[in-house]
C-alpha atoms as a PDB file:
ATOM      1  CA  UNK A   1     -24.108 -96.748 -29.866  1.00  0.00           C
ATOM      2  CA  UNK A   2     -22.802 -98.320 -26.633  1.00  0.00           C
ATOM      3  CA  UNK A   3     -19.179 -98.178 -27.792  1.00  0.00           C
ATOM      4  CA  UNK A   4     -19.295 -94.394 -28.254  1.00  0.00           C
ATOM      5  CA  UNK A   5     -21.039 -93.945 -24.903  1.00  0.00           C
ATOM      6  CA  UNK A   6     -18.409 -96.110 -23.223  1.00  0.00           C
ATOM      7  CA  UNK A   7     -15.647 -94.087 -24.864  1.00  0.00           C
ATOM      8  CA  UNK A   8     -17.259 -90.889 -23.587  1.00  0.00           C
ATOM      9  CA  UNK A   9     -17.416 -92.274 -20.067  1.00  0.00           C
ATOM     10  CA  UNK A  10     -13.816 -93.365 -20.316  1.00  0.00           C
ATOM     11  CA  UNK A  11     -12.857 -89.815 -21.339  1.00  0.00           C
ATOM     12  CA  UNK A  12     -14.794 -88.367 -18.412  1.00  0.00           C
ATOM     13  CA  UNK A  13     -13.258 -90.888 -16.034  1.00  0.00           C
ATOM     14  CA  UNK A  14      -9.767 -90.052 -17.292  1.00  0.00           C
ATOM     15  CA  UNK A  15     -10.458 -86.333 -16.904  1.00  0.00           C
ATOM     16  CA  UNK A  16     -11.728 -86.927 -13.368  1.00  0.00           C
ATOM     17  CA  UNK A  17      -8.610 -88.949 -12.491  1.00  0.00           C
ATOM     18  CA  UNK A  18      -6.410 -86.165 -13.864  1.00  0.00           C
ATOM     19  CA  UNK A  19      -8.393 -83.536 -11.899  1.00  0.00           C
ATOM     20  CA  UNK A  20      -8.035 -85.520  -8.682  1.00  0.00           C
ATOM     21  CA  UNK A  21      -4.291 -86.101  -9.202  1.00  0.00           C
ATOM     22  CA  UNK A  22      -3.774 -82.391  -9.964  1.00  0.00           C
ATOM     23  CA  UNK A  23      -5.677 -81.367  -6.828  1.00  0.00           C
ATOM     24  CA  UNK A  24      -3.588 -83.804  -4.745  1.00  0.00           C
ATOM     25  CA  UNK A  25      -0.300 -82.652  -6.270  1.00  0.00           C
ATOM     26  CA  UNK A  26      -1.092 -78.925  -6.057  1.00  0.00           C
ATOM     27  CA  UNK A  27      -3.446 -78.361  -3.116  1.00  0.00           C
ATOM     28  CA  UNK A  28      -2.977 -74.593  -3.321  1.00  0.00           C
ATOM     29  CA  UNK A  29      -4.482 -74.630  -6.819  1.00  0.00           C
ATOM     30  CA  UNK A  30      -7.177 -77.234  -6.214  1.00  0.00           C
ATOM     31  CA  UNK A  31      -9.901 -74.551  -6.521  1.00  0.00           C
ATOM     32  CA  UNK A  32      -9.018 -74.194 -10.210  1.00  0.00           C
ATOM     33  CA  UNK A  33     -10.232 -77.733 -10.879  1.00  0.00           C
ATOM     34  CA  UNK A  34     -12.689 -78.318  -8.010  1.00  0.00           C
ATOM     35  CA  UNK A  35     -15.451 -79.396 -10.409  1.00  0.00           C
ATOM     36  CA  UNK A  36     -16.044 -79.757 -14.137  1.00  0.00           C
ATOM     37  CA  UNK A  37     -17.170 -76.156 -14.619  1.00  0.00           C
ATOM     38  CA  UNK A  38     -14.088 -74.778 -12.871  1.00  0.00           C
ATOM     39  CA  UNK A  39     -11.869 -77.124 -14.860  1.00  0.00           C
ATOM     40  CA  UNK A  40     -13.464 -76.074 -18.167  1.00  0.00           C
ATOM     41  CA  UNK A  41     -13.084 -72.418 -17.179  1.00  0.00           C
ATOM     42  CA  UNK A  42      -9.432 -72.926 -16.256  1.00  0.00           C
ATOM     43  CA  UNK A  43      -8.673 -74.768 -19.499  1.00  0.00           C
ATOM     44  CA  UNK A  44     -10.479 -72.089 -21.512  1.00  0.00           C
ATOM     45  CA  UNK A  45      -8.480 -69.375 -19.757  1.00  0.00           C
ATOM     46  CA  UNK A  46      -5.237 -71.255 -20.465  1.00  0.00           C
ATOM     47  CA  UNK A  47      -6.113 -71.637 -24.156  1.00  0.00           C
ATOM     48  CA  UNK A  48      -6.970 -67.936 -24.456  1.00  0.00           C
ATOM     49  CA  UNK A  49      -3.762 -66.978 -22.639  1.00  0.00           C
ATOM     50  CA  UNK A  50      -1.751 -69.173 -25.016  1.00  0.00           C
ATOM     51  CA  UNK A  51      -3.484 -67.583 -28.010  1.00  0.00           C
ATOM     52  CA  UNK A  52      -2.786 -64.062 -26.734  1.00  0.00           C
ATOM     53  CA  UNK A  53       0.844 -64.986 -26.036  1.00  0.00           C
ATOM     54  CA  UNK A  54       1.215 -66.449 -29.526  1.00  0.00           C
ATOM     55  CA  UNK A  55      -0.326 -63.391 -31.199  1.00  0.00           C
ATOM     56  CA  UNK A  56       1.774 -61.079 -29.029  1.00  0.00           C
ATOM     57  CA  UNK A  57       4.958 -62.932 -29.916  1.00  0.00           C
ATOM     58  CA  UNK A  58       4.070 -62.769 -33.619  1.00  0.00           C
ATOM     59  CA  UNK A  59       3.470 -59.020 -33.351  1.00  0.00           C
ATOM     60  CA  UNK A  60       6.722 -58.498 -31.450  1.00  0.00           C
ATOM     61  CA  UNK A  61       8.670 -60.448 -34.086  1.00  0.00           C
ATOM     62  CA  UNK A  62       7.137 -58.333 -36.840  1.00  0.00           C
ATOM     63  CA  UNK A  63       8.196 -55.161 -35.003  1.00  0.00           C
ATOM     64  CA  UNK A  64      11.727 -56.491 -34.538  1.00  0.00           C
ATOM     65  CA  UNK A  65      11.973 -57.432 -38.228  1.00  0.00           C
ATOM     66  CA  UNK A  66      10.714 -54.008 -39.241  1.00  0.00           C
ATOM     67  CA  UNK A  67      13.156 -52.122 -37.038  1.00  0.00           C
ATOM     68  CA  UNK A  68      16.329 -53.995 -37.960  1.00  0.00           C
ATOM     69  CA  UNK A  69      19.266 -51.818 -38.714  1.00  0.00           C
ATOM     70  CA  UNK A  70      19.637 -51.350 -42.411  1.00  0.00           C
ATOM     71  CA  UNK A  71      22.902 -50.554 -44.090  1.00  0.00           C
ATOM     72  CA  UNK A  72      23.388 -46.840 -44.675  1.00  0.00           C
ATOM     73  CA  UNK A  73      22.909 -45.396 -48.156  1.00  0.00           C
ATOM     74  CA  UNK A  74      25.972 -45.635 -50.310  1.00  0.00           C
ATOM     75  CA  UNK A  75      27.321 -42.937 -52.600  1.00  0.00           C
ATOM     76  CA  UNK A  76      29.102 -44.038 -55.775  1.00  0.00           C
ATOM     77  CA  UNK A  77      30.906 -41.967 -58.341  1.00  0.00           C
ATOM     78  CA  UNK A  78      31.241 -42.676 -62.039  1.00  0.00           C
ATOM     79  CA  UNK A  79      33.160 -43.129 -64.245  1.00  0.00           C
ATOM     80  CA  UNK A  80      35.289 -45.450 -62.184  1.00  0.00           C
ATOM     81  CA  UNK A  81      38.133 -47.275 -63.957  1.00  0.00           C
ATOM     82  CA  UNK A  82      37.858 -50.673 -62.235  1.00  0.00           C
ATOM     83  CA  UNK A  83      34.166 -51.051 -63.017  1.00  0.00           C
ATOM     84  CA  UNK A  84      33.458 -52.308 -59.501  1.00  0.00           C
ATOM     85  CA  UNK A  85      30.800 -49.648 -58.860  1.00  0.00           C
ATOM     86  CA  UNK A  86      28.883 -50.604 -62.010  1.00  0.00           C
ATOM     87  CA  UNK A  87      29.190 -54.300 -61.126  1.00  0.00           C
ATOM     88  CA  UNK A  88      28.012 -53.716 -57.571  1.00  0.00           C
ATOM     89  CA  UNK A  89      25.063 -51.631 -58.708  1.00  0.00           C
ATOM     90  CA  UNK A  90      24.114 -54.283 -61.291  1.00  0.00           C
ATOM     91  CA  UNK A  91      24.178 -56.986 -58.568  1.00  0.00           C
ATOM     92  CA  UNK A  92      21.940 -54.868 -56.337  1.00  0.00           C
ATOM     93  CA  UNK A  93      19.528 -54.211 -59.192  1.00  0.00           C
ATOM     94  CA  UNK A  94      19.449 -57.904 -60.138  1.00  0.00           C
ATOM     95  CA  UNK A  95      18.569 -58.858 -56.545  1.00  0.00           C
ATOM     96  CA  UNK A  96      15.923 -56.174 -56.009  1.00  0.00           C
ATOM     97  CA  UNK A  97      12.442 -57.473 -55.210  1.00  0.00           C
ATOM     98  CA  UNK A  98      10.493 -54.514 -53.806  1.00  0.00           C
ATOM     99  CA  UNK A  99      11.685 -51.198 -55.133  1.00  0.00           C
ATOM    100  CA  UNK A 100      14.629 -49.449 -56.752  1.00  0.00           C
ATOM    101  CA  UNK A 101      14.817 -45.687 -56.494  1.00  0.00           C
ATOM    102  CA  UNK A 102      17.847 -44.152 -58.174  1.00  0.00           C
ATOM    103  CA  UNK A 103      18.990 -40.547 -58.155  1.00  0.00           C
ATOM    104  CA  UNK A 104      21.838 -39.792 -60.520  1.00  0.00           C
ATOM    105  CA  UNK A 105      23.164 -37.006 -62.669  1.00  0.00           C
ATOM    106  CA  UNK A 106      22.857 -39.016 -65.876  1.00  0.00           C
ATOM    107  CA  UNK A 107      22.251 -42.594 -66.998  1.00  0.00           C
ATOM    108  CA  UNK A 108      24.429 -43.567 -69.934  1.00  0.00           C
ATOM    109  CA  UNK A 109      25.671 -47.053 -69.032  1.00  0.00           C
ATOM    110  CA  UNK A 110      23.926 -49.765 -71.045  1.00  0.00           C
ATOM    111  CA  UNK A 111      24.553 -52.412 -68.355  1.00  0.00           C
ATOM    112  CA  UNK A 112      22.853 -50.291 -65.700  1.00  0.00           C
ATOM    113  CA  UNK A 113      19.913 -49.325 -67.864  1.00  0.00           C
ATOM    114  CA  UNK A 114      19.458 -52.986 -68.856  1.00  0.00           C
ATOM    115  CA  UNK A 115      19.320 -54.052 -65.190  1.00  0.00           C
ATOM    116  CA  UNK A 116      16.877 -51.227 -64.429  1.00  0.00           C
ATOM    117  CA  UNK A 117      14.594 -52.477 -67.219  1.00  0.00           C
ATOM    118  CA  UNK A 118      14.885 -56.107 -66.058  1.00  0.00           C
ATOM    119  CA  UNK A 119      13.961 -55.052 -62.514  1.00  0.00           C
ATOM    120  CA  UNK A 120      10.911 -53.221 -63.863  1.00  0.00           C
ATOM    121  CA  UNK A 121       9.949 -56.314 -65.891  1.00  0.00           C
ATOM    122  CA  UNK A 122      10.080 -58.405 -62.651  1.00  0.00           C
ATOM    123  CA  UNK A 123       7.510 -56.055 -61.097  1.00  0.00           C
ATOM    124  CA  UNK A 124       9.923 -53.993 -59.011  1.00  0.00           C
ATOM    125  CA  UNK A 125       8.837 -50.400 -58.323  1.00  0.00           C
ATOM    126  CA  UNK A 126      11.532 -48.567 -60.319  1.00  0.00           C
ATOM    127  CA  UNK A 127      12.034 -44.807 -60.214  1.00  0.00           C
ATOM    128  CA  UNK A 128      14.959 -42.965 -61.745  1.00  0.00           C
ATOM    129  CA  UNK A 129      15.683 -39.292 -61.158  1.00  0.00           C
ATOM    130  CA  UNK A 130      18.237 -37.623 -63.425  1.00  0.00           C
ATOM    131  CA  UNK A 131      19.155 -34.067 -64.321  1.00  0.00           C
ATOM    132  CA  UNK A 132      16.677 -32.618 -66.862  1.00  0.00           C
ATOM    133  CA  UNK A 133      19.355 -31.433 -69.266  1.00  0.00           C
ATOM    134  CA  UNK A 134      21.284 -34.703 -69.018  1.00  0.00           C
ATOM    135  CA  UNK A 135      18.180 -36.790 -69.712  1.00  0.00           C
ATOM    136  CA  UNK A 136      18.146 -35.337 -73.248  1.00  0.00           C
ATOM    137  CA  UNK A 137      21.931 -35.518 -73.771  1.00  0.00           C
ATOM    138  CA  UNK A 138      23.508 -37.668 -76.461  1.00  0.00           C
ATOM    139  CA  UNK A 139      23.969 -41.237 -75.161  1.00  0.00           C
ATOM    140  CA  UNK A 140      21.424 -40.904 -72.354  1.00  0.00           C
ATOM    141  CA  UNK A 141      19.506 -44.116 -71.706  1.00  0.00           C
ATOM    142  CA  UNK A 142      16.768 -42.300 -69.799  1.00  0.00           C
ATOM    143  CA  UNK A 143      14.829 -41.509 -72.963  1.00  0.00           C
ATOM    144  CA  UNK A 144      14.549 -45.215 -73.841  1.00  0.00           C
ATOM    145  CA  UNK A 145      13.176 -46.287 -70.431  1.00  0.00           C
ATOM    146  CA  UNK A 146       9.571 -45.147 -71.081  1.00  0.00           C
ATOM    147  CA  UNK A 147       9.674 -46.705 -74.568  1.00  0.00           C
ATOM    148  CA  UNK A 148      10.656 -50.051 -73.025  1.00  0.00           C
ATOM    149  CA  UNK A 149       7.847 -49.955 -70.455  1.00  0.00           C
ATOM    150  CA  UNK A 150       9.610 -48.103 -67.660  1.00  0.00           C
ATOM    151  CA  UNK A 151       8.362 -45.007 -65.874  1.00  0.00           C
ATOM    152  CA  UNK A 152       8.501 -41.700 -67.661  1.00  0.00           C
ATOM    153  CA  UNK A 153      11.546 -39.490 -67.346  1.00  0.00           C
END
């Protein structure tokens, strides 16, 4: 079709005008665009360099995200009269998305064991380590975790 051919010529003419104006504006770099082959090579190199820079920046951002400073582990003691430790632990459990690994002497608080089970139900990797003797003690919630679908004690 003549219209498509004319459009192609227009594109080539525009590219040639750009090449000539670039060579005039930057005579020291005129060799980069001296002909169509050199111009295509230069543009290809620029596209590859941009791709490498983009991929490198993405990798660097992933490294920075991975190496962010995390808050230090926190030690809590129970029983605690104000209940703030239980409340804080319940908030952390409710917000967990990846994994929850708990190490404690015993698990007897129904609020905590309920949040542990809800986290497991959401697909969170939940692991609870308690003292062997305390896991069988009266009031221990550890024995009900496997029955409710949690990991074994």
